[in-house]
Amino acid sequence: MDDTEDVQGTVIGIGTIGAIALYAYGRFAGETLFGADPTVLAITVFGATFAALAVLHGAYGRRDFALAHGVAAVGLFLLAPASSGSQILGGYLLLLAGGLYIAVVTIRVRREQQEAEPAG
């Protein structure tokens, strides 16, 4: 039997908790954290989460997922310090492109896995 570990969920969970903690700190405890806006830090942490997923997918040979997560990470990194409409639009478009690809391929792979499983 092949035992595999789904590290993607763990990485997303850790990144999300970190991002929420930074955002909550900024919202409820202080306006800055080490001189930086906590919301910008939260978005950056979430971008780093996607970058880590890109590296993991690349290491496991899923270059398409690696590229999609990398594109989403770049979108988040553009959004974090965005000060102009074009930066915001560019960040959202990259995030949308990467996210759509990830969603479509994930749904397709899961559907194929369900069809391959014998009815029990």
PDB file of N, CA and C in Angstrom:
ATOM      1  N   MET A   1       0.850  -1.181   0.000  1.00  0.00           N
ATOM      2  CA  MET A   1       0.000   0.000   0.000  1.00  0.00           C
ATOM      3  C   MET A   1       0.894   1.242   0.000  1.00  0.00           C
ATOM      4  N   ASP A   2       0.533   2.194  -0.791  1.00  0.00           N
ATOM      5  CA  ASP A   2       1.327   3.417  -0.933  1.00  0.00           C
ATOM      6  C   ASP A   2       0.833   4.458   0.074  1.00  0.00           C
ATOM      7  N   ASP A   3       1.702   4.798   1.019  1.00  0.00           N
ATOM      8  CA  ASP A   3       1.362   5.840   1.996  1.00  0.00           C
ATOM      9  C   ASP A   3       1.903   7.169   1.503  1.00  0.00           C
ATOM     10  N   THR A   4       1.023   8.127   1.361  1.00  0.00           N
ATOM     11  CA  THR A   4       1.448   9.457   0.942  1.00  0.00           C
ATOM     12  C   THR A   4       0.960  10.476   1.953  1.00  0.00           C
ATOM     13  N   GLU A   5       1.665  11.564   2.002  1.00  0.00           N
ATOM     14  CA  GLU A   5       1.321  12.650   2.920  1.00  0.00           C
ATOM     15  C   GLU A   5       0.904  13.852   2.088  1.00  0.00           C
ATOM     16  N   ASP A   6      -0.241  14.408   2.402  1.00  0.00           N
ATOM     17  CA  ASP A   6      -0.714  15.587   1.688  1.00  0.00           C
ATOM     18  C   ASP A   6      -0.173  16.829   2.388  1.00  0.00           C
ATOM     19  N   VAL A   7       1.014  17.249   1.965  1.00  0.00           N
ATOM     20  CA  VAL A   7       1.630  18.406   2.589  1.00  0.00           C
ATOM     21  C   VAL A   7       1.008  19.710   2.113  1.00  0.00           C
ATOM     22  N   GLN A   8       0.304  19.663   0.993  1.00  0.00           N
ATOM     23  CA  GLN A   8      -0.304  20.888   0.478  1.00  0.00           C
ATOM     24  C   GLN A   8      -1.278  21.472   1.495  1.00  0.00           C
ATOM     25  N   GLY A   9      -2.119  20.648   2.060  1.00  0.00           N
ATOM     26  CA  GLY A   9      -3.078  21.126   3.060  1.00  0.00           C
ATOM     27  C   GLY A   9      -2.393  21.688   4.290  1.00  0.00           C
ATOM     28  N   THR A  10      -1.306  21.054   4.699  1.00  0.00           N
ATOM     29  CA  THR A  10      -0.549  21.529   5.862  1.00  0.00           C
ATOM     30  C   THR A  10       0.079  22.887   5.582  1.00  0.00           C
ATOM     31  N   VAL A  11       0.685  23.034   4.405  1.00  0.00           N
ATOM     32  CA  VAL A  11       1.318  24.297   4.047  1.00  0.00           C
ATOM     33  C   VAL A  11       0.268  25.409   3.959  1.00  0.00           C
ATOM     34  N   ILE A  12      -0.857  25.119   3.333  1.00  0.00           N
ATOM     35  CA  ILE A  12      -1.921  26.117   3.232  1.00  0.00           C
ATOM     36  C   ILE A  12      -2.435  26.489   4.614  1.00  0.00           C
ATOM     37  N   GLY A  13      -2.613  25.496   5.472  1.00  0.00           N
ATOM     38  CA  GLY A  13      -3.092  25.763   6.827  1.00  0.00           C
ATOM     39  C   GLY A  13      -2.142  26.647   7.622  1.00  0.00           C
ATOM     40  N   ILE A  14      -0.865  26.327   7.579  1.00  0.00           N
ATOM     41  CA  ILE A  14       0.124  27.125   8.311  1.00  0.00           C
ATOM     42  C   ILE A  14       0.175  28.549   7.762  1.00  0.00           C
ATOM     43  N   GLY A  15       0.208  28.679   6.439  1.00  0.00           N
ATOM     44  CA  GLY A  15       0.248  30.012   5.827  1.00  0.00           C
ATOM     45  C   GLY A  15      -0.984  30.830   6.131  1.00  0.00           C
ATOM     46  N   THR A  16      -2.142  30.184   6.098  1.00  0.00           N
ATOM     47  CA  THR A  16      -3.395  30.888   6.381  1.00  0.00           C
ATOM     48  C   THR A  16      -3.456  31.343   7.832  1.00  0.00           C
ATOM     49  N   ILE A  17      -3.053  30.481   8.746  1.00  0.00           N
ATOM     50  CA  ILE A  17      -3.050  30.857  10.165  1.00  0.00           C
ATOM     51  C   ILE A  17      -2.101  32.029  10.399  1.00  0.00           C
ATOM     52  N   GLY A  18      -0.921  31.973   9.784  1.00  0.00           N
ATOM     53  CA  GLY A  18       0.027  33.090   9.915  1.00  0.00           C
ATOM     54  C   GLY A  18      -0.528  34.388   9.363  1.00  0.00           C
ATOM     55  N   ALA A  19      -1.158  34.311   8.193  1.00  0.00           N
ATOM     56  CA  ALA A  19      -1.726  35.512   7.574  1.00  0.00           C
ATOM     57  C   ALA A  19      -2.869  36.078   8.418  1.00  0.00           C
ATOM     58  N   ILE A  20      -3.726  35.217   8.915  1.00  0.00           N
ATOM     59  CA  ILE A  20      -4.848  35.675   9.748  1.00  0.00           C
ATOM     60  C   ILE A  20      -4.331  36.281  11.049  1.00  0.00           C
ATOM     61  N   ALA A  21      -3.307  35.669  11.629  1.00  0.00           N
ATOM     62  CA  ALA A  21      -2.741  36.203  12.873  1.00  0.00           C
ATOM     63  C   ALA A  21      -2.170  37.603  12.656  1.00  0.00           C
ATOM     64  N   LEU A  22      -1.459  37.802  11.550  1.00  0.00           N
ATOM     65  CA  LEU A  22      -0.915  39.131  11.261  1.00  0.00           C
ATOM     66  C   LEU A  22      -2.026  40.146  11.020  1.00  0.00           C
ATOM     67  N   TYR A  23      -3.028  39.736  10.264  1.00  0.00           N
ATOM     68  CA  TYR A  23      -4.141  40.640   9.997  1.00  0.00           C
ATOM     69  C   TYR A  23      -4.878  40.993  11.289  1.00  0.00           C
ATOM     70  N   ALA A  24      -5.119  39.995  12.127  1.00  0.00           N
ATOM     71  CA  ALA A  24      -5.813  40.234  13.400  1.00  0.00           C
ATOM     72  C   ALA A  24      -4.997  41.148  14.297  1.00  0.00           C
ATOM     73  N   TYR A  25      -3.691  40.962  14.316  1.00  0.00           N
ATOM     74  CA  TYR A  25      -2.842  41.844  15.107  1.00  0.00           C
ATOM     75  C   TYR A  25      -3.008  43.285  14.644  1.00  0.00           C
ATOM     76  N   GLY A  26      -2.965  43.490  13.348  1.00  0.00           N
ATOM     77  CA  GLY A  26      -3.126  44.838  12.802  1.00  0.00           C
ATOM     78  C   GLY A  26      -4.489  45.426  13.069  1.00  0.00           C
ATOM     79  N   ARG A  27      -5.485  44.594  13.065  1.00  0.00           N
ATOM     80  CA  ARG A  27      -6.857  45.068  13.254  1.00  0.00           C
ATOM     81  C   ARG A  27      -7.150  45.394  14.712  1.00  0.00           C
ATOM     82  N   PHE A  28      -6.640  44.568  15.614  1.00  0.00           N
ATOM     83  CA  PHE A  28      -7.035  44.697  17.014  1.00  0.00           C
ATOM     84  C   PHE A  28      -5.934  45.166  17.966  1.00  0.00           C
ATOM     85  N   ALA A  29      -4.673  44.913  17.655  1.00  0.00           N
ATOM     86  CA  ALA A  29      -3.620  45.199  18.624  1.00  0.00           C
ATOM     87  C   ALA A  29      -2.769  46.415  18.281  1.00  0.00           C
ATOM     88  N   GLY A  30      -2.393  46.569  17.049  1.00  0.00           N
ATOM     89  CA  GLY A  30      -1.511  47.680  16.710  1.00  0.00           C
ATOM     90  C   GLY A  30      -1.579  48.021  15.237  1.00  0.00           C
ATOM     91  N   GLU A  31      -1.182  49.225  14.933  1.00  0.00           N
ATOM     92  CA  GLU A  31      -1.255  49.669  13.549  1.00  0.00           C
ATOM     93  C   GLU A  31      -0.070  49.205  12.723  1.00  0.00           C
ATOM     94  N   THR A  32       1.068  48.958  13.365  1.00  0.00           N
ATOM     95  CA  THR A  32       2.231  48.485  12.632  1.00  0.00           C
ATOM     96  C   THR A  32       2.878  47.333  13.382  1.00  0.00           C
ATOM     97  N   LEU A  33       3.629  46.553  12.657  1.00  0.00           N
ATOM     98  CA  LEU A  33       4.394  45.456  13.233  1.00  0.00           C
ATOM     99  C   LEU A  33       5.805  45.580  12.671  1.00  0.00           C
ATOM    100  N   PHE A  34       6.742  45.940  13.521  1.00  0.00           N
ATOM    101  CA  PHE A  34       8.122  46.208  13.098  1.00  0.00           C
ATOM    102  C   PHE A  34       8.168  47.279  12.009  1.00  0.00           C
ATOM    103  N   GLY A  35       7.286  48.243  12.109  1.00  0.00           N
ATOM    104  CA  GLY A  35       7.256  49.354  11.173  1.00  0.00           C
ATOM    105  C   GLY A  35       6.530  49.085   9.874  1.00  0.00           C
ATOM    106  N   ALA A  36       5.931  47.926   9.739  1.00  0.00           N
ATOM    107  CA  ALA A  36       5.228  47.566   8.503  1.00  0.00           C
ATOM    108  C   ALA A  36       3.738  47.392   8.784  1.00  0.00           C
ATOM    109  N   ASP A  37       2.952  47.626   7.765  1.00  0.00           N
ATOM    110  CA  ASP A  37       1.509  47.444   7.863  1.00  0.00           C
ATOM    111  C   ASP A  37       1.200  45.941   7.976  1.00  0.00           C
ATOM    112  N   PRO A  38       0.511  45.504   9.018  1.00  0.00           N
ATOM    113  CA  PRO A  38       0.220  44.084   9.192  1.00  0.00           C
ATOM    114  C   PRO A  38      -0.596  43.470   8.044  1.00  0.00           C
ATOM    115  N   THR A  39      -1.437  44.272   7.398  1.00  0.00           N
ATOM    116  CA  THR A  39      -2.200  43.742   6.268  1.00  0.00           C
ATOM    117  C   THR A  39      -1.269  43.401   5.109  1.00  0.00           C
ATOM    118  N   VAL A  40      -0.292  44.269   4.855  1.00  0.00           N
ATOM    119  CA  VAL A  40       0.701  43.993   3.809  1.00  0.00           C
ATOM    120  C   VAL A  40       1.491  42.739   4.181  1.00  0.00           C
ATOM    121  N   LEU A  41       1.869  42.618   5.432  1.00  0.00           N
ATOM    122  CA  LEU A  41       2.594  41.424   5.879  1.00  0.00           C
ATOM    123  C   LEU A  41       1.736  40.171   5.727  1.00  0.00           C
ATOM    124  N   ALA A  42       0.450  40.269   6.045  1.00  0.00           N
ATOM    125  CA  ALA A  42      -0.447  39.123   5.918  1.00  0.00           C
ATOM    126  C   ALA A  42      -0.544  38.662   4.466  1.00  0.00           C
ATOM    127  N   ILE A  43      -0.695  39.589   3.546  1.00  0.00           N
ATOM    128  CA  ILE A  43      -0.774  39.235   2.123  1.00  0.00           C
ATOM    129  C   ILE A  43       0.553  38.648   1.655  1.00  0.00           C
ATOM    130  N   THR A  44       1.654  39.186   2.146  1.00  0.00           N
ATOM    131  CA  THR A  44       2.972  38.679   1.784  1.00  0.00           C
ATOM    132  C   THR A  44       3.169  37.255   2.300  1.00  0.00           C
ATOM    133  N   VAL A  45       2.728  36.982   3.522  1.00  0.00           N
ATOM    134  CA  VAL A  45       2.820  35.623   4.071  1.00  0.00           C
ATOM    135  C   VAL A  45       1.984  34.660   3.230  1.00  0.00           C
ATOM    136  N   PHE A  46       0.808  35.092   2.811  1.00  0.00           N
ATOM    137  CA  PHE A  46      -0.021  34.227   1.982  1.00  0.00           C
ATOM    138  C   PHE A  46       0.651  34.012   0.620  1.00  0.00           C
ATOM    139  N   GLY A  47       1.307  35.043   0.087  1.00  0.00           N
ATOM    140  CA  GLY A  47       2.067  34.888  -1.149  1.00  0.00           C
ATOM    141  C   GLY A  47       3.210  33.901  -0.969  1.00  0.00           C
ATOM    142  N   ALA A  48       3.883  33.974   0.170  1.00  0.00           N
ATOM    143  CA  ALA A  48       4.968  33.030   0.462  1.00  0.00           C
ATOM    144  C   ALA A  48       4.436  31.604   0.567  1.00  0.00           C
ATOM    145  N   THR A  49       3.205  31.462   1.035  1.00  0.00           N
ATOM    146  CA  THR A  49       2.573  30.149   1.093  1.00  0.00           C
ATOM    147  C   THR A  49       2.434  29.577  -0.316  1.00  0.00           C
ATOM    148  N   PHE A  50       1.955  30.400  -1.239  1.00  0.00           N
ATOM    149  CA  PHE A  50       1.816  29.944  -2.616  1.00  0.00           C
ATOM    150  C   PHE A  50       3.180  29.664  -3.242  1.00  0.00           C
ATOM    151  N   ALA A  51       4.177  30.458  -2.902  1.00  0.00           N
ATOM    152  CA  ALA A  51       5.530  30.217  -3.411  1.00  0.00           C
ATOM    153  C   ALA A  51       6.070  28.880  -2.896  1.00  0.00           C
ATOM    154  N   ALA A  52       5.817  28.584  -1.633  1.00  0.00           N
ATOM    155  CA  ALA A  52       6.243  27.301  -1.069  1.00  0.00           C
ATOM    156  C   ALA A  52       5.542  26.143  -1.772  1.00  0.00           C
ATOM    157  N   LEU A  53       4.264  26.313  -2.059  1.00  0.00           N
ATOM    158  CA  LEU A  53       3.529  25.274  -2.788  1.00  0.00           C
ATOM    159  C   LEU A  53       4.091  25.096  -4.195  1.00  0.00           C
ATOM    160  N   ALA A  54       4.500  26.186  -4.815  1.00  0.00           N
ATOM    161  CA  ALA A  54       5.106  26.095  -6.142  1.00  0.00           C
ATOM    162  C   ALA A  54       6.380  25.254  -6.086  1.00  0.00           C
ATOM    163  N   VAL A  55       7.200  25.498  -5.078  1.00  0.00           N
ATOM    164  CA  VAL A  55       8.446  24.736  -4.922  1.00  0.00           C
ATOM    165  C   VAL A  55       8.136  23.259  -4.667  1.00  0.00           C
ATOM    166  N   LEU A  56       7.169  22.984  -3.800  1.00  0.00           N
ATOM    167  CA  LEU A  56       6.807  21.593  -3.504  1.00  0.00           C
ATOM    168  C   LEU A  56       6.282  20.875  -4.743  1.00  0.00           C
ATOM    169  N   HIS A  57       5.403  21.523  -5.478  1.00  0.00           N
ATOM    170  CA  HIS A  57       4.868  20.888  -6.690  1.00  0.00           C
ATOM    171  C   HIS A  57       5.977  20.672  -7.718  1.00  0.00           C
ATOM    172  N   GLY A  58       6.902  21.618  -7.814  1.00  0.00           N
ATOM    173  CA  GLY A  58       8.030  21.449  -8.718  1.00  0.00           C
ATOM    174  C   GLY A  58       8.902  20.265  -8.306  1.00  0.00           C
ATOM    175  N   ALA A  59       9.102  20.102  -7.000  1.00  0.00           N
ATOM    176  CA  ALA A  59       9.918  18.993  -6.496  1.00  0.00           C
ATOM    177  C   ALA A  59       9.267  17.641  -6.766  1.00  0.00           C
ATOM    178  N   TYR A  60       7.933  17.610  -6.794  1.00  0.00           N
ATOM    179  CA  TYR A  60       7.216  16.367  -7.044  1.00  0.00           C
ATOM    180  C   TYR A  60       6.902  16.161  -8.522  1.00  0.00           C
ATOM    181  N   GLY A  61       7.421  17.038  -9.378  1.00  0.00           N
ATOM    182  CA  GLY A  61       7.259  16.849 -10.805  1.00  0.00           C
ATOM    183  C   GLY A  61       5.994  17.419 -11.420  1.00  0.00           C
ATOM    184  N   ARG A  62       5.193  18.117 -10.642  1.00  0.00           N
ATOM    185  CA  ARG A  62       3.976  18.735 -11.195  1.00  0.00           C
ATOM    186  C   ARG A  62       4.298  20.162 -11.599  1.00  0.00           C
ATOM    187  N   ARG A  63       4.992  20.293 -12.720  1.00  0.00           N
ATOM    188  CA  ARG A  63       5.435  21.612 -13.158  1.00  0.00           C
ATOM    189  C   ARG A  63       4.282  22.539 -13.488  1.00  0.00           C
ATOM    190  N   ASP A  64       3.164  21.970 -13.965  1.00  0.00           N
ATOM    191  CA  ASP A  64       2.012  22.820 -14.269  1.00  0.00           C
ATOM    192  C   ASP A  64       1.461  23.455 -12.994  1.00  0.00           C
ATOM    193  N   PHE A  65       1.339  22.670 -11.930  1.00  0.00           N
ATOM    194  CA  PHE A  65       0.887  23.219 -10.646  1.00  0.00           C
ATOM    195  C   PHE A  65       1.922  24.170 -10.070  1.00  0.00           C
ATOM    196  N   ALA A  66       3.188  23.837 -10.245  1.00  0.00           N
ATOM    197  CA  ALA A  66       4.251  24.714  -9.748  1.00  0.00           C
ATOM    198  C   ALA A  66       4.152  26.083 -10.413  1.00  0.00           C
ATOM    199  N   LEU A  67       3.964  26.093 -11.718  1.00  0.00           N
ATOM    200  CA  LEU A  67       3.837  27.358 -12.439  1.00  0.00           C
ATOM    201  C   LEU A  67       2.587  28.121 -12.004  1.00  0.00           C
ATOM    202  N   ALA A  68       1.470  27.415 -11.862  1.00  0.00           N
ATOM    203  CA  ALA A  68       0.223  28.079 -11.459  1.00  0.00           C
ATOM    204  C   ALA A  68       0.340  28.683 -10.060  1.00  0.00           C
ATOM    205  N   HIS A  69       0.926  27.939  -9.131  1.00  0.00           N
ATOM    206  CA  HIS A  69       1.106  28.478  -7.782  1.00  0.00           C
ATOM    207  C   HIS A  69       2.111  29.626  -7.782  1.00  0.00           C
ATOM    208  N   GLY A  70       3.126  29.513  -8.606  1.00  0.00           N
ATOM    209  CA  GLY A  70       4.095  30.595  -8.726  1.00  0.00           C
ATOM    210  C   GLY A  70       3.464  31.870  -9.268  1.00  0.00           C
ATOM    211  N   VAL A  71       2.604  31.729 -10.271  1.00  0.00           N
ATOM    212  CA  VAL A  71       1.900  32.892 -10.830  1.00  0.00           C
ATOM    213  C   VAL A  71       1.005  33.524  -9.771  1.00  0.00           C
ATOM    214  N   ALA A  72       0.291  32.692  -9.007  1.00  0.00           N
ATOM    215  CA  ALA A  72      -0.562  33.217  -7.937  1.00  0.00           C
ATOM    216  C   ALA A  72       0.276  33.919  -6.868  1.00  0.00           C
ATOM    217  N   ALA A  73       1.443  33.363  -6.552  1.00  0.00           N
ATOM    218  CA  ALA A  73       2.332  33.992  -5.564  1.00  0.00           C
ATOM    219  C   ALA A  73       2.792  35.357  -6.043  1.00  0.00           C
ATOM    220  N   VAL A  74       3.189  35.457  -7.303  1.00  0.00           N
ATOM    221  CA  VAL A  74       3.617  36.745  -7.848  1.00  0.00           C
ATOM    222  C   VAL A  74       2.462  37.748  -7.788  1.00  0.00           C
ATOM    223  N   GLY A  75       1.250  37.279  -8.089  1.00  0.00           N
ATOM    224  CA  GLY A  75       0.083  38.154  -7.982  1.00  0.00           C
ATOM    225  C   GLY A  75      -0.096  38.695  -6.573  1.00  0.00           C
ATOM    226  N   LEU A  76       0.053  37.831  -5.579  1.00  0.00           N
ATOM    227  CA  LEU A  76      -0.068  38.280  -4.190  1.00  0.00           C
ATOM    228  C   LEU A  76       1.071  39.216  -3.807  1.00  0.00           C
ATOM    229  N   PHE A  77       2.278  38.921  -4.273  1.00  0.00           N
ATOM    230  CA  PHE A  77       3.412  39.799  -3.981  1.00  0.00           C
ATOM    231  C   PHE A  77       3.231  41.177  -4.624  1.00  0.00           C
ATOM    232  N   LEU A  78       2.569  41.232  -5.773  1.00  0.00           N
ATOM    233  CA  LEU A  78       2.266  42.522  -6.396  1.00  0.00           C
ATOM    234  C   LEU A  78       1.166  43.261  -5.633  1.00  0.00           C
ATOM    235  N   LEU A  79       0.189  42.505  -5.133  1.00  0.00           N
ATOM    236  CA  LEU A  79      -0.929  43.120  -4.413  1.00  0.00           C
ATOM    237  C   LEU A  79      -0.515  43.690  -3.059  1.00  0.00           C
ATOM    238  N   ALA A  80       0.389  43.012  -2.378  1.00  0.00           N
ATOM    239  CA  ALA A  80       0.729  43.401  -1.007  1.00  0.00           C
ATOM    240  C   ALA A  80       1.124  44.874  -0.883  1.00  0.00           C
ATOM    241  N   PRO A  81       2.096  45.349  -1.639  1.00  0.00           N
ATOM    242  CA  PRO A  81       2.480  46.762  -1.484  1.00  0.00           C
ATOM    243  C   PRO A  81       1.843  47.680  -2.528  1.00  0.00           C
ATOM    244  N   ALA A  82       0.834  47.187  -3.229  1.00  0.00           N
ATOM    245  CA  ALA A  82       0.261  47.932  -4.367  1.00  0.00           C
ATOM    246  C   ALA A  82      -0.143  49.343  -3.964  1.00  0.00           C
ATOM    247  N   SER A  83       0.300  50.283  -4.789  1.00  0.00           N
ATOM    248  CA  SER A  83      -0.038  51.682  -4.536  1.00  0.00           C
ATOM    249  C   SER A  83      -0.692  52.328  -5.748  1.00  0.00           C
ATOM    250  N   SER A  84      -0.821  51.578  -6.825  1.00  0.00           N
ATOM    251  CA  SER A  84      -1.468  52.140  -8.012  1.00  0.00           C
ATOM    252  C   SER A  84      -2.493  51.147  -8.547  1.00  0.00           C
ATOM    253  N   GLY A  85      -3.395  51.669  -9.314  1.00  0.00           N
ATOM    254  CA  GLY A  85      -4.432  50.825  -9.899  1.00  0.00           C
ATOM    255  C   GLY A  85      -3.867  49.755 -10.806  1.00  0.00           C
ATOM    256  N   SER A  86      -2.801  50.066 -11.542  1.00  0.00           N
ATOM    257  CA  SER A  86      -2.230  49.074 -12.444  1.00  0.00           C
ATOM    258  C   SER A  86      -1.559  47.932 -11.673  1.00  0.00           C
ATOM    259  N   GLN A  87      -0.939  48.234 -10.536  1.00  0.00           N
ATOM    260  CA  GLN A  87      -0.357  47.173  -9.710  1.00  0.00           C
ATOM    261  C   GLN A  87      -1.448  46.273  -9.147  1.00  0.00           C
ATOM    262  N   ILE A  88      -2.514  46.882  -8.689  1.00  0.00           N
ATOM    263  CA  ILE A  88      -3.622  46.105  -8.137  1.00  0.00           C
ATOM    264  C   ILE A  88      -4.240  45.231  -9.215  1.00  0.00           C
ATOM    265  N   LEU A  89      -4.506  45.795 -10.379  1.00  0.00           N
ATOM    266  CA  LEU A  89      -5.088  45.038 -11.480  1.00  0.00           C
ATOM    267  C   LEU A  89      -4.166  43.904 -11.911  1.00  0.00           C
ATOM    268  N   GLY A  90      -2.874  44.198 -12.062  1.00  0.00           N
ATOM    269  CA  GLY A  90      -1.922  43.159 -12.446  1.00  0.00           C
ATOM    270  C   GLY A  90      -1.873  42.034 -11.428  1.00  0.00           C
ATOM    271  N   GLY A  91      -1.844  42.388 -10.143  1.00  0.00           N
ATOM    272  CA  GLY A  91      -1.827  41.375  -9.086  1.00  0.00           C
ATOM    273  C   GLY A  91      -3.067  40.511  -9.108  1.00  0.00           C
ATOM    274  N   TYR A  92      -4.230  41.143  -9.234  1.00  0.00           N
ATOM    275  CA  TYR A  92      -5.477  40.376  -9.279  1.00  0.00           C
ATOM    276  C   TYR A  92      -5.554  39.483 -10.508  1.00  0.00           C
ATOM    277  N   LEU A  93      -5.088  39.970 -11.658  1.00  0.00           N
ATOM    278  CA  LEU A  93      -5.137  39.156 -12.873  1.00  0.00           C
ATOM    279  C   LEU A  93      -4.222  37.937 -12.760  1.00  0.00           C
ATOM    280  N   LEU A  94      -3.027  38.119 -12.202  1.00  0.00           N
ATOM    281  CA  LEU A  94      -2.130  36.981 -12.001  1.00  0.00           C
ATOM    282  C   LEU A  94      -2.702  36.003 -10.982  1.00  0.00           C
ATOM    283  N   LEU A  95      -3.253  36.523  -9.909  1.00  0.00           N
ATOM    284  CA  LEU A  95      -3.875  35.669  -8.900  1.00  0.00           C
ATOM    285  C   LEU A  95      -5.047  34.899  -9.490  1.00  0.00           C
ATOM    286  N   LEU A  96      -5.855  35.565 -10.294  1.00  0.00           N
ATOM    287  CA  LEU A  96      -6.994  34.920 -10.945  1.00  0.00           C
ATOM    288  C   LEU A  96      -6.539  33.841 -11.917  1.00  0.00           C
ATOM    289  N   ALA A  97      -5.533  34.144 -12.737  1.00  0.00           N
ATOM    290  CA  ALA A  97      -5.045  33.167 -13.717  1.00  0.00           C
ATOM    291  C   ALA A  97      -4.506  31.916 -13.025  1.00  0.00           C
ATOM    292  N   GLY A  98      -3.654  32.111 -12.028  1.00  0.00           N
ATOM    293  CA  GLY A  98      -3.101  30.965 -11.305  1.00  0.00           C
ATOM    294  C   GLY A  98      -4.179  30.185 -10.572  1.00  0.00           C
ATOM    295  N   GLY A  99      -5.071  30.895  -9.911  1.00  0.00           N
ATOM    296  CA  GLY A  99      -6.139  30.248  -9.148  1.00  0.00           C
ATOM    297  C   GLY A  99      -7.105  29.472 -10.017  1.00  0.00           C
ATOM    298  N   LEU A 100      -7.468  30.031 -11.167  1.00  0.00           N
ATOM    299  CA  LEU A 100      -8.376  29.321 -12.077  1.00  0.00           C
ATOM    300  C   LEU A 100      -7.741  28.036 -12.584  1.00  0.00           C
ATOM    301  N   TYR A 101      -6.481  28.105 -12.962  1.00  0.00           N
ATOM    302  CA  TYR A 101      -5.812  26.903 -13.441  1.00  0.00           C
ATOM    303  C   TYR A 101      -5.767  25.837 -12.352  1.00  0.00           C
ATOM    304  N   ILE A 102      -5.404  26.240 -11.151  1.00  0.00           N
ATOM    305  CA  ILE A 102      -5.335  25.298 -10.029  1.00  0.00           C
ATOM    306  C   ILE A 102      -6.698  24.654  -9.793  1.00  0.00           C
ATOM    307  N   ALA A 103      -7.751  25.464  -9.785  1.00  0.00           N
ATOM    308  CA  ALA A 103      -9.099  24.938  -9.536  1.00  0.00           C
ATOM    309  C   ALA A 103      -9.537  23.971 -10.624  1.00  0.00           C
ATOM    310  N   VAL A 104      -9.351  24.343 -11.878  1.00  0.00           N
ATOM    311  CA  VAL A 104      -9.799  23.496 -12.988  1.00  0.00           C
ATOM    312  C   VAL A 104      -9.051  22.166 -12.995  1.00  0.00           C
ATOM    313  N   VAL A 105      -7.736  22.211 -12.841  1.00  0.00           N
ATOM    314  CA  VAL A 105      -6.953  20.977 -12.876  1.00  0.00           C
ATOM    315  C   VAL A 105      -7.245  20.110 -11.657  1.00  0.00           C
ATOM    316  N   THR A 106      -7.413  20.712 -10.501  1.00  0.00           N
ATOM    317  CA  THR A 106      -7.740  19.942  -9.293  1.00  0.00           C
ATOM    318  C   THR A 106      -9.069  19.223  -9.453  1.00  0.00           C
ATOM    319  N   ILE A 107     -10.067  19.908  -9.954  1.00  0.00           N
ATOM    320  CA  ILE A 107     -11.379  19.278 -10.174  1.00  0.00           C
ATOM    321  C   ILE A 107     -11.252  18.138 -11.181  1.00  0.00           C
ATOM    322  N   ARG A 108     -10.489  18.353 -12.261  1.00  0.00           N
ATOM    323  CA  ARG A 108     -10.313  17.320 -13.282  1.00  0.00           C
ATOM    324  C   ARG A 108      -9.610  16.098 -12.706  1.00  0.00           C
ATOM    325  N   VAL A 109      -8.545  16.303 -11.929  1.00  0.00           N
ATOM    326  CA  VAL A 109      -7.792  15.184 -11.349  1.00  0.00           C
ATOM    327  C   VAL A 109      -8.662  14.411 -10.375  1.00  0.00           C
ATOM    328  N   ARG A 110      -9.403  15.107  -9.535  1.00  0.00           N
ATOM    329  CA  ARG A 110     -10.276  14.413  -8.568  1.00  0.00           C
ATOM    330  C   ARG A 110     -11.370  13.623  -9.270  1.00  0.00           C
ATOM    331  N   ARG A 111     -11.910  14.162 -10.341  1.00  0.00           N
ATOM    332  CA  ARG A 111     -12.944  13.455 -11.104  1.00  0.00           C
ATOM    333  C   ARG A 111     -12.353  12.189 -11.726  1.00  0.00           C
ATOM    334  N   GLU A 112     -11.148  12.295 -12.268  1.00  0.00           N
ATOM    335  CA  GLU A 112     -10.494  11.129 -12.854  1.00  0.00           C
ATOM    336  C   GLU A 112     -10.192  10.070 -11.801  1.00  0.00           C
ATOM    337  N   GLN A 113      -9.814  10.497 -10.600  1.00  0.00           N
ATOM    338  CA  GLN A 113      -9.536   9.535  -9.519  1.00  0.00           C
ATOM    339  C   GLN A 113     -10.814   8.830  -9.100  1.00  0.00           C
ATOM    340  N   GLN A 114     -11.924   9.553  -9.035  1.00  0.00           N
ATOM    341  CA  GLN A 114     -13.197   8.932  -8.650  1.00  0.00           C
ATOM    342  C   GLN A 114     -13.660   7.952  -9.706  1.00  0.00           C
ATOM    343  N   GLU A 115     -13.460   8.273 -10.968  1.00  0.00           N
ATOM    344  CA  GLU A 115     -13.869   7.361 -12.036  1.00  0.00           C
ATOM    345  C   GLU A 115     -12.997   6.121 -12.075  1.00  0.00           C
ATOM    346  N   ALA A 116     -11.739   6.226 -11.657  1.00  0.00           N
ATOM    347  CA  ALA A 116     -10.817   5.107 -11.667  1.00  0.00           C
ATOM    348  C   ALA A 116     -11.052   4.147 -10.502  1.00  0.00           C
ATOM    349  N   GLU A 117     -11.665   4.629  -9.432  1.00  0.00           N
ATOM    350  CA  GLU A 117     -11.918   3.782  -8.274  1.00  0.00           C
ATOM    351  C   GLU A 117     -13.063   2.825  -8.573  1.00  0.00           C
ATOM    352  N   PRO A 118     -12.901   1.572  -8.197  1.00  0.00           N
ATOM    353  CA  PRO A 118     -13.991   0.614  -8.417  1.00  0.00           C
ATOM    354  C   PRO A 118     -15.156   0.890  -7.476  1.00  0.00           C
ATOM    355  N   ALA A 119     -16.356   0.709  -7.985  1.00  0.00           N
ATOM    356  CA  ALA A 119     -17.554   0.914  -7.161  1.00  0.00           C
ATOM    357  C   ALA A 119     -17.586  -0.153  -6.093  1.00  0.00           C
ATOM    358  N   GLY A 120     -17.794   0.275  -4.856  1.00  0.00           N
ATOM    359  CA  GLY A 120     -17.721  -0.708  -3.791  1.00  0.00           C
ATOM    360  C   GLY A 120     -18.904  -0.693  -2.989  1.00  0.00           C
TER     361      GLY A 120
END
